[in-house]
Amino acid sequence: MTATSPMSPGPVPAADITVDGTGLLCVTLLLRLRAAIAEAEPGTVVQVIATDPAAPLDLPAWCHMTGHHYLGPVPNDDPDGTVYALRLSADARPTRPDAPWRTDRPSADTEL
């Protein structure tokens, strides 16, 4: 099953992993996301349910920083949360366990 996202070029694939971040703020949401994908294979589609108003900014930024592919919001019928999708990348930069918003190496477009 797929859904069309207004921010992605085509249908968003069905989730292989769903992370429920209902009621969580950015840092806790990213910690939960990091734990959920720790053993996941590249190409895995992750859908994140988020109620944090910063999630539409934080999730794409986190994907950009780590190298995962942000697929965009997923249309859904849940009035309590928005669902966002991402696809795990084989060449993603790992995040630090104590700070999931930081990577151990700079992104490709960061000047050294």
Protein backbone atom coordinates (compact mmCIF):
# COMPACT_ATOMS: atom_id res chain seq x y z
CA MET A 1 0.00 0.00 0.00
CA THR A 2 1.29 3.45 -0.86
CA ALA A 3 0.15 6.99 -0.21
CA THR A 4 0.93 10.14 -2.11
CA SER A 5 2.82 12.85 -0.28
CA PRO A 6 2.72 16.49 -1.39
CA MET A 7 6.45 16.85 -0.61
CA SER A 8 7.69 13.70 -2.32
CA PRO A 9 7.85 13.15 -6.07
CA GLY A 10 5.60 10.10 -5.98
CA PRO A 11 3.80 7.65 -3.75
CA VAL A 12 5.23 7.00 -0.31
CA PRO A 13 5.79 3.26 0.20
CA ALA A 14 4.18 1.40 3.07
CA ALA A 15 6.16 1.41 6.31
CA ASP A 16 8.53 -1.37 7.24
CA ILE A 17 8.94 0.26 10.68
CA THR A 18 6.60 2.68 12.43
CA VAL A 19 7.90 4.90 15.23
CA ASP A 20 5.20 6.37 17.46
CA GLY A 21 6.46 9.71 18.69
CA THR A 22 3.09 10.95 19.90
CA GLY A 23 3.64 13.48 22.69
CA LEU A 24 7.43 13.52 22.30
CA LEU A 25 9.54 16.58 21.64
CA CYS A 26 12.43 16.62 19.18
CA VAL A 27 15.26 15.16 21.25
CA THR A 28 13.19 12.30 22.66
CA LEU A 29 11.64 11.63 19.26
CA LEU A 30 15.09 11.39 17.66
CA LEU A 31 16.29 9.06 20.44
CA ARG A 32 13.30 6.79 19.82
CA LEU A 33 13.85 6.94 16.06
CA ARG A 34 17.55 6.15 16.44
CA ALA A 35 16.78 3.11 18.62
CA ALA A 36 14.09 1.85 16.23
CA ILE A 37 16.38 1.92 13.19
CA ALA A 38 19.56 0.67 14.90
CA GLU A 39 19.39 -2.80 13.33
CA ALA A 40 17.36 -1.90 10.21
CA GLU A 41 18.69 -2.52 6.73
CA PRO A 42 19.29 0.18 4.11
CA GLY A 43 16.18 0.75 2.03
CA THR A 44 13.88 0.26 5.02
CA VAL A 45 10.94 2.66 4.96
CA VAL A 46 10.26 4.24 8.34
CA GLN A 47 7.13 6.15 9.17
CA VAL A 48 7.24 8.46 12.17
CA ILE A 49 4.09 9.60 13.95
CA ALA A 50 4.81 13.00 15.48
CA THR A 51 2.82 15.63 17.34
CA ASP A 52 5.77 17.98 17.95
CA PRO A 53 5.13 21.16 15.95
CA ALA A 54 8.84 21.25 15.05
CA ALA A 55 8.79 17.78 13.44
CA PRO A 56 8.18 19.12 9.90
CA LEU A 57 11.51 20.96 10.22
CA ASP A 58 13.43 18.57 12.47
CA LEU A 59 12.88 15.32 10.57
CA PRO A 60 14.02 16.61 7.14
CA ALA A 61 17.00 18.32 8.80
CA TRP A 62 17.93 15.10 10.64
CA CYS A 63 17.67 13.13 7.39
CA HIS A 64 19.86 15.68 5.61
CA MET A 65 22.42 15.57 8.39
CA THR A 66 22.54 11.77 8.61
CA GLY A 67 22.17 10.99 4.91
CA HIS A 68 18.83 9.19 5.10
CA HIS A 69 16.17 10.08 2.51
CA TYR A 70 13.25 12.18 3.73
CA LEU A 71 10.13 11.15 1.81
CA GLY A 72 7.77 13.71 3.33
CA PRO A 73 4.47 13.71 5.16
CA VAL A 74 2.14 10.79 4.61
CA PRO A 75 -1.58 11.46 4.24
CA ASN A 76 -3.45 9.86 7.14
CA ASP A 77 -6.71 10.04 9.05
CA ASP A 78 -5.18 10.50 12.52
CA PRO A 79 -6.21 13.94 13.85
CA ASP A 80 -3.74 13.61 16.75
CA GLY A 81 -0.53 13.30 14.78
CA THR A 82 1.14 13.71 11.45
CA VAL A 83 2.99 10.84 9.82
CA TYR A 84 6.32 11.42 8.08
CA ALA A 85 8.25 8.91 6.00
CA LEU A 86 11.93 8.33 5.41
CA ARG A 87 14.03 5.66 3.71
CA LEU A 88 17.22 4.45 5.36
CA SER A 89 20.39 4.94 3.37
CA ALA A 90 23.32 2.53 3.07
CA ASP A 91 25.83 5.36 3.41
CA ALA A 92 24.15 7.16 6.31
CA ARG A 93 26.27 8.87 8.92
CA PRO A 94 25.68 7.36 12.38
CA THR A 95 24.48 9.58 15.16
CA ARG A 96 25.87 9.67 18.64
CA PRO A 97 23.93 7.65 21.24
CA ASP A 98 23.90 10.59 23.64
CA ALA A 99 23.04 13.17 20.95
CA PRO A 100 21.02 11.74 18.03
CA TRP A 101 20.98 15.13 16.34
CA ARG A 102 24.80 15.01 15.94
CA THR A 103 26.82 12.79 13.65
CA ASP A 104 30.36 11.53 14.14
CA ARG A 105 31.46 12.94 10.79
CA PRO A 106 30.51 16.03 8.78
CA SER A 107 27.95 15.90 6.01
CA ALA A 108 29.15 15.91 2.40
CA ASP A 109 28.25 19.56 1.90
CA THR A 110 29.98 20.81 5.06
CA GLU A 111 33.13 22.81 4.46
CA LEU A 112 36.06 21.74 6.59
